[in-house]
């Protein structure tokens, strides 16, 4: 069935050599074109006030010229005989010009005389001042970004004076006040919190970005097969390496991850840091994870993608003959779908860990898994494929089936990621 993944939206850039597909929803009568509007011209408060004042001055000039021309007509009507010898007010046929003609001529004369009422040079002077201010801002060392070694760029000089008049910032997302650079900080497994200790030597570990984790206890438990958290640590790392929608890009023979969100990149990089490197998805549909040099393949059966309503994402894998659902999402969502009996021993302590992470301002996710009996998966898969092919209410039917399979979850861990605030 066709989904949003099969559509290439306008303004997307391709990194492939060619695409085989069909063009649809094009032309000026498509929804996106009908809803698009031309960009509104931006103007500062000073410009708006100045434009109103210039318009007022022009109106006063026109009124004054009308009054002056009207007075000239009255004077002309009363004194045309006495003044004709030097004003030459007759037409070519010798008749006096009409009052309307005389009014029009005098109105034009007064307009020319009062031209200086409208301060034309004020606009030019103001633009020159703004240009100089923009140049000063561009060269201001205090407004330079030392991280990327870039000076401030003035896109338009029309709004220069607005900079000093900002009193409030209204934002609907934290990305306005943060750097949008995520760093993996903490991991909770069965109630044991890792990440606060920074004593481990990680010089021998893979060099990755978006990870600030040096917990010696975790590294010891990860390599100690007799520790009670050893198996859970392996499950958490495999989940982080496999449950995502990241693509691998190769440029100049160097591979890098291309993620739809910096959160996913931080999670996958942490798994790579711990020796669980996502190696890509084969053309046959197998997710490959390189675990300390050994590639482990699992058949990717379904990806239940994240959206704002679901607040979670899941993958269903065939791992060594077992059907396993791996899920990550918001704690409030995962808690409602967990198996109470399977999580009774550690869930309360994990809630305490989540509260500690939240008090630090970290972004938290719960990690969960479920082993699905093959006959249960087969029955569910038939219903899910039928829902995905439905013509009417497809999304609602698919959502119902996703809800049906994402339950009886075993919570195996929780992650905490820091979104750094801007300086």
Foldseek 3Di string as FASTA:
>chain_A
DDDPVVDDDPPDDDPDPDDDDDDDQDDCPRPVNVPDDDDDDDAAPVVVVLVVVLVVLVVVLLVVLLVVLVVVLVVCVVCVVVCCVPPVQADPVRHGDDSVVSSVVSSVVSCVVCVVSRPPVVVVVVVVVLVVLQVCQQPDPVQADPVVRHGDHDPDSRCSVCVVVDDDDDDPDCVVFFVLQKAFAWKAFLLDIFRPDQPADLPVFDDDGRYRGRGPVVLVLCPDPPDPCNVLVVVQLLLLQPQFDWAWDADPNDIDIDHPGNVSRNSQRVSSRSQFHFPHADPQQWTWTGRNNRIATWHWDDWADDDPVQQKIWTWTCGPNWTKIKMKGDPVNLVVFAACVLSVNRPVSQVVVVVVLVVVVWDKMWIWMDTDPPVVVVVLVVQLVVLCPDPPPSVVSNVVSVSVVRHNIRTGMMTTMDGGGDD
